[in-house]
């Protein structure tokens, strides 16, 4: 059986009340993904290694440059 999950990256620089259907986030979501195992970490590691120029990678690098970490 495959166990998949949904994960969300949140921007700690943008607090607020972000409502999506029945979910409420305390910080602005900027990426939603589907994964299994440790998939949620790959996006973060790719951004740190400067592999990829996708919007989510740039956003993660921008957050880290400000001395913060994205909330996963």
N, C-alpha and C. Protein backbone atom coordinates (compact mmCIF):
# COMPACT_ATOMS: atom_id res chain seq x y z
N UNK A 1 0.84 -1.18 0.00
CA UNK A 1 0.00 0.00 0.00
C UNK A 1 0.89 1.25 0.00
N UNK A 2 0.58 2.20 -0.86
CA UNK A 2 1.32 3.47 -0.90
C UNK A 2 0.67 4.46 0.05
N UNK A 3 1.46 5.03 0.93
CA UNK A 3 0.96 6.03 1.87
C UNK A 3 1.42 7.41 1.42
N UNK A 4 0.53 8.15 0.80
CA UNK A 4 0.83 9.50 0.35
C UNK A 4 0.28 10.51 1.35
N UNK A 5 0.86 11.69 1.36
CA UNK A 5 0.38 12.78 2.21
C UNK A 5 0.51 14.08 1.44
N UNK A 6 -0.14 15.09 1.92
CA UNK A 6 -0.04 16.44 1.36
C UNK A 6 0.73 17.30 2.34
N UNK A 7 1.67 18.08 1.83
CA UNK A 7 2.44 18.96 2.69
C UNK A 7 2.39 20.38 2.14
N UNK A 8 2.60 21.34 3.02
CA UNK A 8 2.51 22.75 2.65
C UNK A 8 3.72 23.50 3.19
N UNK A 9 4.30 24.35 2.37
CA UNK A 9 5.35 25.25 2.80
C UNK A 9 4.71 26.60 3.11
N UNK A 10 5.04 27.16 4.27
CA UNK A 10 4.49 28.44 4.70
C UNK A 10 5.62 29.46 4.83
N UNK A 11 5.30 30.71 4.52
CA UNK A 11 6.27 31.80 4.60
C UNK A 11 6.17 32.46 5.98
N UNK A 12 7.19 32.28 6.86
CA UNK A 12 7.13 32.83 8.21
C UNK A 12 7.17 34.36 8.24
N UNK A 13 7.49 34.99 7.12
CA UNK A 13 7.54 36.45 7.05
C UNK A 13 6.16 37.06 6.84
N UNK A 14 5.17 36.22 6.56
CA UNK A 14 3.84 36.73 6.23
C UNK A 14 2.76 36.11 7.12
N UNK A 15 2.70 36.56 8.38
CA UNK A 15 1.66 36.05 9.28
C UNK A 15 0.29 36.56 8.87
N UNK A 16 -0.71 35.84 9.29
CA UNK A 16 -2.09 36.23 8.99
C UNK A 16 -3.00 35.04 9.15
N UNK A 17 -4.19 35.16 8.64
CA UNK A 17 -5.16 34.07 8.67
C UNK A 17 -5.49 33.73 7.22
N UNK A 18 -4.93 32.64 6.75
CA UNK A 18 -5.11 32.21 5.37
C UNK A 18 -6.02 30.99 5.37
N UNK A 19 -7.20 31.15 4.81
CA UNK A 19 -8.22 30.10 4.86
C UNK A 19 -8.39 29.47 3.48
N UNK A 20 -8.29 28.16 3.44
CA UNK A 20 -8.49 27.38 2.22
C UNK A 20 -9.43 26.23 2.56
N UNK A 21 -10.68 26.38 2.13
CA UNK A 21 -11.73 25.42 2.46
C UNK A 21 -11.79 25.22 3.98
N UNK A 22 -11.48 24.04 4.48
CA UNK A 22 -11.58 23.80 5.93
C UNK A 22 -10.23 23.93 6.65
N UNK A 23 -9.22 24.43 5.95
CA UNK A 23 -7.88 24.60 6.54
C UNK A 23 -7.62 26.07 6.84
N UNK A 24 -7.00 26.33 7.98
CA UNK A 24 -6.60 27.69 8.34
C UNK A 24 -5.11 27.67 8.65
N UNK A 25 -4.36 28.51 7.93
CA UNK A 25 -2.91 28.61 8.14
C UNK A 25 -2.61 29.94 8.82
N UNK A 26 -1.64 29.96 9.72
CA UNK A 26 -1.26 31.19 10.41
C UNK A 26 -0.20 31.98 9.64
N UNK A 27 0.31 31.40 8.58
CA UNK A 27 1.28 32.07 7.71
C UNK A 27 0.90 31.77 6.26
N UNK A 28 1.36 32.62 5.34
CA UNK A 28 0.98 32.46 3.94
C UNK A 28 1.56 31.19 3.32
N UNK A 29 0.71 30.33 2.78
CA UNK A 29 1.20 29.15 2.06
C UNK A 29 1.77 29.58 0.70
N UNK A 30 2.90 28.98 0.30
CA UNK A 30 3.42 29.29 -1.03
C UNK A 30 3.68 28.04 -1.86
N UNK A 31 3.53 26.86 -1.27
CA UNK A 31 3.68 25.64 -2.04
C UNK A 31 2.93 24.51 -1.35
N UNK A 32 2.20 23.74 -2.14
CA UNK A 32 1.51 22.55 -1.65
C UNK A 32 1.98 21.39 -2.52
N UNK A 33 2.40 20.31 -1.88
CA UNK A 33 2.89 19.16 -2.62
C UNK A 33 2.30 17.86 -2.10
N UNK A 34 2.50 16.82 -2.89
CA UNK A 34 2.06 15.47 -2.51
C UNK A 34 3.32 14.61 -2.45
N UNK A 35 3.42 13.79 -1.42
CA UNK A 35 4.61 12.97 -1.32
C UNK A 35 4.41 11.75 -0.45
N UNK A 36 5.47 10.98 -0.35
CA UNK A 36 5.52 9.85 0.57
C UNK A 36 6.94 9.76 1.08
N UNK A 37 7.11 9.11 2.21
CA UNK A 37 8.44 9.05 2.82
C UNK A 37 8.87 10.44 3.25
N UNK A 38 10.10 10.83 2.87
CA UNK A 38 10.67 12.12 3.27
C UNK A 38 10.62 13.13 2.10
N UNK A 39 9.68 12.99 1.19
CA UNK A 39 9.58 13.84 0.00
C UNK A 39 9.56 15.33 0.34
N UNK A 40 8.91 15.69 1.42
CA UNK A 40 8.78 17.10 1.79
C UNK A 40 10.13 17.78 1.97
N UNK A 41 11.17 17.01 2.30
CA UNK A 41 12.50 17.57 2.50
C UNK A 41 13.24 17.83 1.19
N UNK A 42 12.89 17.12 0.14
CA UNK A 42 13.64 17.24 -1.12
C UNK A 42 13.56 18.66 -1.69
N UNK A 43 12.37 19.27 -1.64
CA UNK A 43 12.23 20.63 -2.15
C UNK A 43 13.17 21.57 -1.40
N UNK A 44 13.23 21.43 -0.10
CA UNK A 44 14.10 22.27 0.74
C UNK A 44 15.57 22.04 0.38
N UNK A 45 15.97 20.78 0.29
CA UNK A 45 17.37 20.46 -0.01
C UNK A 45 17.77 20.94 -1.41
N UNK A 46 16.86 20.83 -2.37
CA UNK A 46 17.14 21.32 -3.72
C UNK A 46 17.36 22.83 -3.70
N UNK A 47 16.56 23.54 -2.93
CA UNK A 47 16.69 24.99 -2.84
C UNK A 47 18.02 25.38 -2.22
N UNK A 48 18.40 24.72 -1.14
CA UNK A 48 19.67 25.02 -0.46
C UNK A 48 20.86 24.72 -1.37
N UNK A 49 20.77 23.64 -2.12
CA UNK A 49 21.86 23.24 -3.02
C UNK A 49 21.87 24.10 -4.28
N UNK A 50 20.93 25.04 -4.36
CA UNK A 50 20.81 25.94 -5.51
C UNK A 50 20.54 25.18 -6.80
N UNK A 51 19.84 24.06 -6.66
CA UNK A 51 19.43 23.29 -7.84
C UNK A 51 17.99 23.66 -8.14
N UNK A 52 17.77 24.24 -9.25
CA UNK A 52 16.42 24.58 -9.66
C UNK A 52 16.13 26.05 -9.51
N UNK A 53 15.40 26.58 -10.43
CA UNK A 53 15.06 28.00 -10.40
C UNK A 53 13.55 28.18 -10.28
N UNK A 54 12.88 27.17 -9.80
CA UNK A 54 11.43 27.26 -9.65
C UNK A 54 11.09 28.30 -8.59
N UNK A 55 9.90 28.83 -8.70
CA UNK A 55 9.44 29.87 -7.77
C UNK A 55 9.61 29.41 -6.32
N UNK A 56 9.24 28.17 -6.03
CA UNK A 56 9.31 27.70 -4.64
C UNK A 56 10.76 27.66 -4.14
N UNK A 57 11.70 27.31 -5.00
CA UNK A 57 13.11 27.28 -4.60
C UNK A 57 13.60 28.70 -4.30
N UNK A 58 13.24 29.64 -5.17
CA UNK A 58 13.64 31.03 -4.96
C UNK A 58 13.04 31.58 -3.66
N UNK A 59 11.81 31.23 -3.39
CA UNK A 59 11.14 31.70 -2.18
C UNK A 59 11.84 31.13 -0.94
N UNK A 60 12.18 29.86 -0.96
CA UNK A 60 12.87 29.22 0.17
C UNK A 60 14.22 29.90 0.40
N UNK A 61 14.97 30.14 -0.68
CA UNK A 61 16.28 30.80 -0.55
C UNK A 61 16.12 32.21 0.01
N UNK A 62 15.08 32.91 -0.40
CA UNK A 62 14.82 34.26 0.09
C UNK A 62 14.52 34.26 1.59
N UNK A 63 13.76 33.29 2.03
CA UNK A 63 13.43 33.15 3.46
C UNK A 63 14.70 32.87 4.26
N UNK A 64 15.52 31.96 3.76
CA UNK A 64 16.75 31.58 4.46
C UNK A 64 17.72 32.77 4.53
N UNK A 65 17.81 33.57 3.47
CA UNK A 65 18.69 34.74 3.46
C UNK A 65 18.32 35.73 4.55
N UNK A 66 17.08 35.72 4.98
CA UNK A 66 16.63 36.61 6.04
C UNK A 66 16.78 35.99 7.43
N UNK A 67 17.47 34.84 7.48
CA UNK A 67 17.74 34.20 8.76
C UNK A 67 16.57 33.39 9.32
N UNK A 68 15.62 33.05 8.45
CA UNK A 68 14.45 32.29 8.88
C UNK A 68 14.43 30.94 8.16
N UNK A 69 13.48 30.13 8.53
CA UNK A 69 13.26 28.84 7.88
C UNK A 69 11.81 28.77 7.44
N UNK A 70 11.52 28.19 6.28
CA UNK A 70 10.13 28.01 5.91
C UNK A 70 9.48 27.02 6.88
N UNK A 71 8.21 27.19 7.09
CA UNK A 71 7.46 26.26 7.95
C UNK A 71 6.88 25.19 7.05
N UNK A 72 7.13 23.94 7.38
CA UNK A 72 6.63 22.84 6.55
C UNK A 72 5.55 22.11 7.32
